[in-house]
Amino acid sequence: LIALDKKTGNEVWKKDRSERTVWSSPIIWKNKERTELV
């Protein structure tokens, strides 16, 4: 999973994952407690 600066494309952070093939898209969840990337 990777986060890029939208203006430059530079990497902000990157996290390895143990998952295999997935076709689902992530979502931003702005809930009553906080904002999450799911």
ModelCIF file with pLDDT and N, C-alpha, C, O atoms, coordinates in Angstrom:
data_MODEL
#
_entry.id   MODEL 
#
_entity.id                         1 
_entity.type                       polymer 
_entity.pdbx_number_of_molecules   1 
#
_entity_poly.entity_id                      1 
_entity_poly.type                           'polypeptide(L)' 
_entity_poly.nstd_linkage                   no 
_entity_poly.nstd_monomer                   no 
_entity_poly.pdbx_seq_one_letter_code       LIALDKKTGNEVWKKDRSERTVWSSPIIWKNKERTELV 
_entity_poly.pdbx_seq_one_letter_code_can   LIALDKKTGNEVWKKDRSERTVWSSPIIWKNKERTELV 
_entity_poly.pdbx_strand_id                 A 
#
loop_
_entity_poly_seq.entity_id 
_entity_poly_seq.num 
_entity_poly_seq.mon_id 
_entity_poly_seq.hetero 
1 1  LEU n 
1 2  ILE n 
1 3  ALA n 
1 4  LEU n 
1 5  ASP n 
1 6  LYS n 
1 7  LYS n 
1 8  THR n 
1 9  GLY n 
1 10 ASN n 
1 11 GLU n 
1 12 VAL n 
1 13 TRP n 
1 14 LYS n 
1 15 LYS n 
1 16 ASP n 
1 17 ARG n 
1 18 SER n 
1 19 GLU n 
1 20 ARG n 
1 21 THR n 
1 22 VAL n 
1 23 TRP n 
1 24 SER n 
1 25 SER n 
1 26 PRO n 
1 27 ILE n 
1 28 ILE n 
1 29 TRP n 
1 30 LYS n 
1 31 ASN n 
1 32 LYS n 
1 33 GLU n 
1 34 ARG n 
1 35 THR n 
1 36 GLU n 
1 37 LEU n 
1 38 VAL n 
#
_struct_asym.id          A 
_struct_asym.entity_id   1 
#
loop_
_ma_qa_metric.id 
_ma_qa_metric.mode 
_ma_qa_metric.name 
_ma_qa_metric.software_group_id 
_ma_qa_metric.type 
1 global pLDDT . pLDDT 
2 local  pLDDT . pLDDT 
#
_ma_qa_metric_global.metric_id      1 
_ma_qa_metric_global.metric_value   95.21 
_ma_qa_metric_global.model_id       1 
_ma_qa_metric_global.ordinal_id     1 
#
loop_
_ma_qa_metric_local.label_asym_id 
_ma_qa_metric_local.label_comp_id 
_ma_qa_metric_local.label_seq_id 
_ma_qa_metric_local.metric_id 
_ma_qa_metric_local.metric_value 
_ma_qa_metric_local.model_id 
_ma_qa_metric_local.ordinal_id 
A LEU 1  2 96.00 1 1  
A ILE 2  2 97.00 1 2  
A ALA 3  2 98.00 1 3  
A LEU 4  2 98.00 1 4  
A ASP 5  2 98.00 1 5  
A LYS 6  2 97.00 1 6  
A LYS 7  2 97.00 1 7  
A THR 8  2 97.00 1 8  
A GLY 9  2 97.00 1 9  
A ASN 10 2 97.00 1 10 
A GLU 11 2 97.00 1 11 
A VAL 12 2 98.00 1 12 
A TRP 13 2 98.00 1 13 
A LYS 14 2 98.00 1 14 
A LYS 15 2 97.00 1 15 
A ASP 16 2 96.00 1 16 
A ARG 17 2 94.00 1 17 
A SER 18 2 91.00 1 18 
A GLU 19 2 90.00 1 19 
A ARG 20 2 88.00 1 20 
A THR 21 2 86.00 1 21 
A VAL 22 2 85.00 1 22 
A TRP 23 2 82.00 1 23 
A SER 24 2 87.00 1 24 
A SER 25 2 92.00 1 25 
A PRO 26 2 95.00 1 26 
A ILE 27 2 97.00 1 27 
A ILE 28 2 98.00 1 28 
A TRP 29 2 98.00 1 29 
A LYS 30 2 98.00 1 30 
A ASN 31 2 98.00 1 31 
A LYS 32 2 97.00 1 32 
A GLU 33 2 97.00 1 33 
A ARG 34 2 98.00 1 34 
A THR 35 2 98.00 1 35 
A GLU 36 2 98.00 1 36 
A LEU 37 2 98.00 1 37 
A VAL 38 2 97.00 1 38 
#
loop_
_atom_site.group_PDB 
_atom_site.id 
_atom_site.type_symbol 
_atom_site.label_atom_id 
_atom_site.label_alt_id 
_atom_site.label_comp_id 
_atom_site.label_asym_id 
_atom_site.label_entity_id 
_atom_site.label_seq_id 
_atom_site.pdbx_PDB_ins_code 
_atom_site.Cartn_x 
_atom_site.Cartn_y 
_atom_site.Cartn_z 
_atom_site.occupancy 
_atom_site.B_iso_or_equiv 
_atom_site.pdbx_formal_charge 
_atom_site.auth_seq_id 
_atom_site.auth_comp_id 
_atom_site.auth_asym_id 
_atom_site.auth_atom_id 
_atom_site.pdbx_PDB_model_num 
ATOM 1   N N  . LEU A 1 1  ? 0.870   -1.171  0.000  1.00 96.00 ? 1  LEU A N  1 
ATOM 2   C CA . LEU A 1 1  ? 0.000   0.000   0.000  1.00 96.00 ? 1  LEU A CA 1 
ATOM 3   C C  . LEU A 1 1  ? 0.906   1.220   0.000  1.00 96.00 ? 1  LEU A C  1 
ATOM 4   O O  . LEU A 1 1  ? 1.865   1.282   0.769  1.00 96.00 ? 1  LEU A O  1 
ATOM 5   N N  . ILE A 1 2  ? 0.608   2.193   -0.860 1.00 97.00 ? 2  ILE A N  1 
ATOM 6   C CA . ILE A 1 2  ? 1.521   3.320   -0.992 1.00 97.00 ? 2  ILE A CA 1 
ATOM 7   C C  . ILE A 1 2  ? 0.751   4.641   -0.995 1.00 97.00 ? 2  ILE A C  1 
ATOM 8   O O  . ILE A 1 2  ? -0.348  4.739   -1.540 1.00 97.00 ? 2  ILE A O  1 
ATOM 9   N N  . ALA A 1 3  ? 1.356   5.647   -0.373 1.00 98.00 ? 3  ALA A N  1 
ATOM 10  C CA . ALA A 1 3  ? 0.820   7.010   -0.380 1.00 98.00 ? 3  ALA A CA 1 
ATOM 11  C C  . ALA A 1 3  ? 1.774   7.898   -1.151 1.00 98.00 ? 3  ALA A C  1 
ATOM 12  O O  . ALA A 1 3  ? 2.974   7.904   -0.877 1.00 98.00 ? 3  ALA A O  1 
ATOM 13  N N  . LEU A 1 4  ? 1.253   8.657   -2.121 1.00 98.00 ? 4  LEU A N  1 
ATOM 14  C CA . LEU A 1 4  ? 2.049   9.557   -2.943 1.00 98.00 ? 4  LEU A CA 1 
ATOM 15  C C  . LEU A 1 4  ? 1.585   10.990  -2.746 1.00 98.00 ? 4  LEU A C  1 
ATOM 16  O O  . LEU A 1 4  ? 0.416   11.240  -2.453 1.00 98.00 ? 4  LEU A O  1 
ATOM 17  N N  . ASP A 1 5  ? 2.499   11.917  -2.907 1.00 98.00 ? 5  ASP A N  1 
ATOM 18  C CA . ASP A 1 5  ? 2.144   13.328  -2.951 1.00 98.00 ? 5  ASP A CA 1 
ATOM 19  C C  . ASP A 1 5  ? 1.413   13.580  -4.268 1.00 98.00 ? 5  ASP A C  1 
ATOM 20  O O  . ASP A 1 5  ? 1.961   13.315  -5.338 1.00 98.00 ? 5  ASP A O  1 
ATOM 21  N N  . LYS A 1 6  ? 0.190   14.085  -4.200 1.00 97.00 ? 6  LYS A N  1 
ATOM 22  C CA . LYS A 1 6  ? -0.619  14.208  -5.418 1.00 97.00 ? 6  LYS A CA 1 
ATOM 23  C C  . LYS A 1 6  ? -0.052  15.225  -6.414 1.00 97.00 ? 6  LYS A C  1 
ATOM 24  O O  . LYS A 1 6  ? -0.340  15.141  -7.608 1.00 97.00 ? 6  LYS A O  1 
ATOM 25  N N  . LYS A 1 7  ? 0.749   16.183  -5.936 1.00 97.00 ? 7  LYS A N  1 
ATOM 26  C CA . LYS A 1 7  ? 1.272   17.214  -6.818 1.00 97.00 ? 7  LYS A CA 1 
ATOM 27  C C  . LYS A 1 7  ? 2.553   16.802  -7.522 1.00 97.00 ? 7  LYS A C  1 
ATOM 28  O O  . LYS A 1 7  ? 2.841   17.275  -8.622 1.00 97.00 ? 7  LYS A O  1 
ATOM 29  N N  . THR A 1 8  ? 3.334   15.911  -6.886 1.00 97.00 ? 8  THR A N  1 
ATOM 30  C CA . THR A 1 8  ? 4.637   15.542  -7.443 1.00 97.00 ? 8  THR A CA 1 
ATOM 31  C C  . THR A 1 8  ? 4.779   14.065  -7.785 1.00 97.00 ? 8  THR A C  1 
ATOM 32  O O  . THR A 1 8  ? 5.636   13.696  -8.587 1.00 97.00 ? 8  THR A O  1 
ATOM 33  N N  . GLY A 1 9  ? 3.944   13.213  -7.183 1.00 97.00 ? 9  GLY A N  1 
ATOM 34  C CA . GLY A 1 9  ? 4.087   11.773  -7.351 1.00 97.00 ? 9  GLY A CA 1 
ATOM 35  C C  . GLY A 1 9  ? 5.142   11.160  -6.452 1.00 97.00 ? 9  GLY A C  1 
ATOM 36  O O  . GLY A 1 9  ? 5.392   9.957   -6.526 1.00 97.00 ? 9  GLY A O  1 
ATOM 37  N N  . ASN A 1 10 ? 5.774   11.976  -5.594 1.00 97.00 ? 10 ASN A N  1 
ATOM 38  C CA . ASN A 1 10 ? 6.800   11.455  -4.688 1.00 97.00 ? 10 ASN A CA 1 
ATOM 39  C C  . ASN A 1 10 ? 6.162   10.588  -3.592 1.00 97.00 ? 10 ASN A C  1 
ATOM 40  O O  . ASN A 1 10 ? 5.044   10.844  -3.144 1.00 97.00 ? 10 ASN A O  1 
ATOM 41  N N  . GLU A 1 11 ? 6.903   9.565   -3.180 1.00 97.00 ? 11 GLU A N  1 
ATOM 42  C CA . GLU A 1 11 ? 6.410   8.659   -2.143 1.00 97.00 ? 11 GLU A CA 1 
ATOM 43  C C  . GLU A 1 11 ? 6.399   9.347   -0.777 1.00 97.00 ? 11 GLU A C  1 
ATOM 44  O O  . GLU A 1 11 ? 7.395   9.940   -0.362 1.00 97.00 ? 11 GLU A O  1 
ATOM 45  N N  . VAL A 1 12 ? 5.257   9.260   -0.083 1.00 98.00 ? 12 VAL A N  1 
ATOM 46  C CA . VAL A 1 12 ? 5.124   9.780   1.278  1.00 98.00 ? 12 VAL A CA 1 
ATOM 47  C C  . VAL A 1 12 ? 5.371   8.666   2.283  1.00 98.00 ? 12 VAL A C  1 
ATOM 48  O O  . VAL A 1 12 ? 6.144   8.829   3.227  1.00 98.00 ? 12 VAL A O  1 
ATOM 49  N N  . TRP A 1 13 ? 4.699   7.519   2.072  1.00 98.00 ? 13 TRP A N  1 
ATOM 50  C CA . TRP A 1 13 ? 4.982   6.315   2.851  1.00 98.00 ? 13 TRP A CA 1 
ATOM 51  C C  . TRP A 1 13 ? 4.566   5.088   2.055  1.00 98.00 ? 13 TRP A C  1 
ATOM 52  O O  . TRP A 1 13 ? 3.797   5.175   1.097  1.00 98.00 ? 13 TRP A O  1 
ATOM 53  N N  . LYS A 1 14 ? 5.093   3.945   2.473  1.00 98.00 ? 14 LYS A N  1 
ATOM 54  C CA . LYS A 1 14 ? 4.799   2.680   1.799  1.00 98.00 ? 14 LYS A CA 1 
ATOM 55  C C  . LYS A 1 14 ? 4.792   1.566   2.831  1.00 98.00 ? 14 LYS A C  1 
ATOM 56  O O  . LYS A 1 14 ? 5.691   1.485   3.668  1.00 98.00 ? 14 LYS A O  1 
ATOM 57  N N  . LYS A 1 15 ? 3.762   0.691   2.774  1.00 97.00 ? 15 LYS A N  1 
ATOM 58  C CA . LYS A 1 15 ? 3.635   -0.403  3.716  1.00 97.00 ? 15 LYS A CA 1 
ATOM 59  C C  . LYS A 1 15 ? 3.488   -1.725  2.957  1.00 97.00 ? 15 LYS A C  1 
ATOM 60  O O  . LYS A 1 15 ? 2.606   -1.871  2.110  1.00 97.00 ? 15 LYS A O  1 
ATOM 61  N N  . ASP A 1 16 ? 4.368   -2.689  3.275  1.00 96.00 ? 16 ASP A N  1 
ATOM 62  C CA . ASP A 1 16 ? 4.236   -4.016  2.693  1.00 96.00 ? 16 ASP A CA 1 
ATOM 63  C C  . ASP A 1 16 ? 2.985   -4.701  3.233  1.00 96.00 ? 16 ASP A C  1 
ATOM 64  O O  . ASP A 1 16 ? 2.578   -4.472  4.372  1.00 96.00 ? 16 ASP A O  1 
ATOM 65  N N  . ARG A 1 17 ? 2.386   -5.540  2.401  1.00 94.00 ? 17 ARG A N  1 
ATOM 66  C CA . ARG A 1 17 ? 1.177   -6.275  2.796  1.00 94.00 ? 17 ARG A CA 1 
ATOM 67  C C  . ARG A 1 17 ? 1.361   -7.761  2.536  1.00 94.00 ? 17 ARG A C  1 
ATOM 68  O O  . ARG A 1 17 ? 2.079   -8.157  1.618  1.00 94.00 ? 17 ARG A O  1 
ATOM 69  N N  . SER A 1 18 ? 0.709   -8.574  3.346  1.00 91.00 ? 18 SER A N  1 
ATOM 70  C CA . SER A 1 18 ? 0.803   -10.027 3.219  1.00 91.00 ? 18 SER A CA 1 
ATOM 71  C C  . SER A 1 18 ? -0.262  -10.586 2.284  1.00 91.00 ? 18 SER A C  1 
ATOM 72  O O  . SER A 1 18 ? -0.354  -11.801 2.111  1.00 91.00 ? 18 SER A O  1 
ATOM 73  N N  . GLU A 1 19 ? -1.071  -9.713  1.676  1.00 90.00 ? 19 GLU A N  1 
ATOM 74  C CA . GLU A 1 19 ? -2.160  -10.162 0.809  1.00 90.00 ? 19 GLU A CA 1 
ATOM 75  C C  . GLU A 1 19 ? -1.648  -10.692 -0.528 1.00 90.00 ? 19 GLU A C  1 
ATOM 76  O O  . GLU A 1 19 ? -0.561  -10.344 -0.989 1.00 90.00 ? 19 GLU A O  1 
ATOM 77  N N  . ARG A 1 20 ? -2.471  -11.541 -1.126 1.00 88.00 ? 20 ARG A N  1 
ATOM 78  C CA . ARG A 1 20 ? -2.246  -11.927 -2.510 1.00 88.00 ? 20 ARG A CA 1 
ATOM 79  C C  . ARG A 1 20 ? -3.170  -11.083 -3.388 1.00 88.00 ? 20 ARG A C  1 
ATOM 80  O O  . ARG A 1 20 ? -3.607  -10.015 -2.959 1.00 88.00 ? 20 ARG A O  1 
ATOM 81  N N  . THR A 1 21 ? -3.473  -11.529 -4.589 1.00 86.00 ? 21 THR A N  1 
ATOM 82  C CA . THR A 1 21 ? -4.227  -10.727 -5.539 1.00 86.00 ? 21 THR A CA 1 
ATOM 83  C C  . THR A 1 21 ? -5.548  -10.221 -4.969 1.00 86.00 ? 21 THR A C  1 
ATOM 84  O O  . THR A 1 21 ? -6.339  -10.985 -4.418 1.00 86.00 ? 21 THR A O  1 
ATOM 85  N N  . VAL A 1 22 ? -5.765  -8.925  -5.113 1.00 85.00 ? 22 VAL A N  1 
ATOM 86  C CA . VAL A 1 22 ? -7.007  -8.273  -4.706 1.00 85.00 ? 22 VAL A CA 1 
ATOM 87  C C  . VAL A 1 22 ? -7.403  -7.291  -5.801 1.00 85.00 ? 22 VAL A C  1 
ATOM 88  O O  . VAL A 1 22 ? -6.544  -6.606  -6.357 1.00 85.00 ? 22 VAL A O  1 
ATOM 89  N N  . TRP A 1 23 ? -8.699  -7.214  -6.118 1.00 82.00 ? 23 TRP A N  1 
ATOM 90  C CA . TRP A 1 23 ? -9.194  -6.261  -7.130 1.00 82.00 ? 23 TRP A CA 1 
ATOM 91  C C  . TRP A 1 23 ? -10.015 -5.139  -6.498 1.00 82.00 ? 23 TRP A C  1 
ATOM 92  O O  . TRP A 1 23 ? -10.482 -4.240  -7.198 1.00 82.00 ? 23 TRP A O  1 
ATOM 93  N N  . SER A 1 24 ? -10.186 -5.190  -5.213 1.00 87.00 ? 24 SER A N  1 
ATOM 94  C CA . SER A 1 24 ? -10.936 -4.161  -4.504 1.00 87.00 ? 24 SER A CA 1 
ATOM 95  C C  . SER A 1 24 ? -10.152 -2.853  -4.452 1.00 87.00 ? 24 SER A C  1 
ATOM 96  O O  . SER A 1 24 ? -8.921  -2.859  -4.483 1.00 87.00 ? 24 SER A O  1 
ATOM 97  N N  . SER A 1 25 ? -10.866 -1.734  -4.375 1.00 92.00 ? 25 SER A N  1 
ATOM 98  C CA . SER A 1 25 ? -10.231 -0.420  -4.227 1.00 92.00 ? 25 SER A CA 1 
ATOM 99  C C  . SER A 1 25 ? -10.321 0.040   -2.776 1.00 92.00 ? 25 SER A C  1 
ATOM 100 O O  . SER A 1 25 ? -11.307 -0.254  -2.099 1.00 92.00 ? 25 SER A O  1 
ATOM 101 N N  . PRO A 1 26 ? -9.310  0.755   -2.287 1.00 95.00 ? 26 PRO A N  1 
ATOM 102 C CA . PRO A 1 26 ? -9.370  1.305   -0.928 1.00 95.00 ? 26 PRO A CA 1 
ATOM 103 C C  . PRO A 1 26 ? -10.379 2.452   -0.857 1.00 95.00 ? 26 PRO A C  1 
ATOM 104 O O  . PRO A 1 26 ? -10.753 3.021   -1.882 1.00 95.00 ? 26 PRO A O  1 
ATOM 105 N N  . ILE A 1 27 ? -10.810 2.783   0.349  1.00 97.00 ? 27 ILE A N  1 
ATOM 106 C CA . ILE A 1 27 ? -11.686 3.939   0.531  1.00 97.00 ? 27 ILE A CA 1 
ATOM 107 C C  . ILE A 1 27 ? -11.187 4.784   1.695  1.00 97.00 ? 27 ILE A C  1 
ATOM 108 O O  . ILE A 1 27 ? -10.511 4.285   2.594  1.00 97.00 ? 27 ILE A O  1 
ATOM 109 N N  . ILE A 1 28 ? -11.525 6.052   1.666  1.00 98.00 ? 28 ILE A N  1 
ATOM 110 C CA . ILE A 1 28 ? -11.313 6.945   2.799  1.00 98.00 ? 28 ILE A CA 1 
ATOM 111 C C  . ILE A 1 28 ? -12.607 6.969   3.605  1.00 98.00 ? 28 ILE A C  1 
ATOM 112 O O  . ILE A 1 28 ? -13.665 7.315   3.080  1.00 98.00 ? 28 ILE A O  1 
ATOM 113 N N  . TRP A 1 29 ? -12.518 6.600   4.887  1.00 98.00 ? 29 TRP A N  1 
ATOM 114 C CA . TRP A 1 29 ? -13.687 6.546   5.762  1.00 98.00 ? 29 TRP A CA 1 
ATOM 115 C C  . TRP A 1 29 ? -13.605 7.689   6.768  1.00 98.00 ? 29 TRP A C  1 
ATOM 116 O O  . TRP A 1 29 ? -12.821 7.643   7.715  1.00 98.00 ? 29 TRP A O  1 
ATOM 117 N N  . LYS A 1 30 ? -14.426 8.716   6.548  1.00 98.00 ? 30 LYS A N  1 
ATOM 118 C CA . LYS A 1 30 ? -14.498 9.835   7.487  1.00 98.00 ? 30 LYS A CA 1 
ATOM 119 C C  . LYS A 1 30 ? -15.663 9.560   8.431  1.00 98.00 ? 30 LYS A C  1 
ATOM 120 O O  . LYS A 1 30 ? -16.810 9.883   8.122  1.00 98.00 ? 30 LYS A O  1 
ATOM 121 N N  . ASN A 1 31 ? -15.366 8.966   9.578  1.00 98.00 ? 31 ASN A N  1 
ATOM 122 C CA . ASN A 1 31 ? -16.417 8.586   10.514 1.00 98.00 ? 31 ASN A CA 1 
ATOM 123 C C  . ASN A 1 31 ? -16.475 9.550   11.701 1.00 98.00 ? 31 ASN A C  1 
ATOM 124 O O  . ASN A 1 31 ? -15.772 10.560  11.725 1.00 98.00 ? 31 ASN A O  1 
ATOM 125 N N  . LYS A 1 32 ? -17.303 9.234   12.662 1.00 97.00 ? 32 LYS A N  1 
ATOM 126 C CA . LYS A 1 32 ? -17.507 10.157  13.783 1.00 97.00 ? 32 LYS A CA 1 
ATOM 127 C C  . LYS A 1 32 ? -16.290 10.246  14.705 1.00 97.00 ? 32 LYS A C  1 
ATOM 128 O O  . LYS A 1 32 ? -16.212 11.149  15.537 1.00 97.00 ? 32 LYS A O  1 
ATOM 129 N N  . GLU A 1 33 ? -15.333 9.311   14.562 1.00 97.00 ? 33 GLU A N  1 
ATOM 130 C CA . GLU A 1 33 ? -14.161 9.287   15.435 1.00 97.00 ? 33 GLU A CA 1 
ATOM 131 C C  . GLU A 1 33 ? -12.907 9.862   14.772 1.00 97.00 ? 33 GLU A C  1 
ATOM 132 O O  . GLU A 1 33 ? -12.117 10.547  15.422 1.00 97.00 ? 33 GLU A O  1 
ATOM 133 N N  . ARG A 1 34 ? -12.723 9.580   13.462 1.00 98.00 ? 34 ARG A N  1 
ATOM 134 C CA . ARG A 1 34 ? -11.470 9.939   12.800 1.00 98.00 ? 34 ARG A CA 1 
ATOM 135 C C  . ARG A 1 34 ? -11.594 9.665   11.301 1.00 98.00 ? 34 ARG A C  1 
ATOM 136 O O  . ARG A 1 34 ? -12.642 9.232   10.824 1.00 98.00 ? 34 ARG A O  1 
ATOM 137 N N  . THR A 1 35 ? -10.520 9.923   10.574 1.00 98.00 ? 35 THR A N  1 
ATOM 138 C CA . THR A 1 35 ? -10.441 9.577   9.160  1.00 98.00 ? 35 THR A CA 1 
ATOM 139 C C  . THR A 1 35 ? -9.540  8.358   8.995  1.00 98.00 ? 35 THR A C  1 
ATOM 140 O O  . THR A 1 35 ? -8.440  8.325   9.548  1.00 98.00 ? 35 THR A O  1 
ATOM 141 N N  . GLU A 1 36 ? -9.995  7.350   8.236  1.00 98.00 ? 36 GLU A N  1 
ATOM 142 C CA . GLU A 1 36 ? -9.258  6.107   8.061  1.00 98.00 ? 36 GLU A CA 1 
ATOM 143 C C  . GLU A 1 36 ? -9.116  5.770   6.583  1.00 98.00 ? 36 GLU A C  1 
ATOM 144 O O  . GLU A 1 36 ? -9.954  6.148   5.764  1.00 98.00 ? 36 GLU A O  1 
ATOM 145 N N  . LEU A 1 37 ? -8.048  5.057   6.254  1.00 98.00 ? 37 LEU A N  1 
ATOM 146 C CA . LEU A 1 37 ? -7.846  4.486   4.925  1.00 98.00 ? 37 LEU A CA 1 
ATOM 147 C C  . LEU A 1 37 ? -8.074  2.981   5.051  1.00 98.00 ? 37 LEU A C  1 
ATOM 148 O O  . LEU A 1 37 ? -7.292  2.287   5.700  1.00 98.00 ? 37 LEU A O  1 
ATOM 149 N N  . VAL A 1 38 ? -9.140  2.477   4.435  1.00 97.00 ? 38 VAL A N  1 
ATOM 150 C CA . VAL A 1 38 ? -9.544  1.078   4.619  1.00 97.00 ? 38 VAL A CA 1 
ATOM 151 C C  . VAL A 1 38 ? -9.283  0.282   3.357  1.00 97.00 ? 38 VAL A C  1 
ATOM 152 O O  . VAL A 1 38 ? -9.558  -0.917  3.315  1.00 97.00 ? 38 VAL A O  1 
#
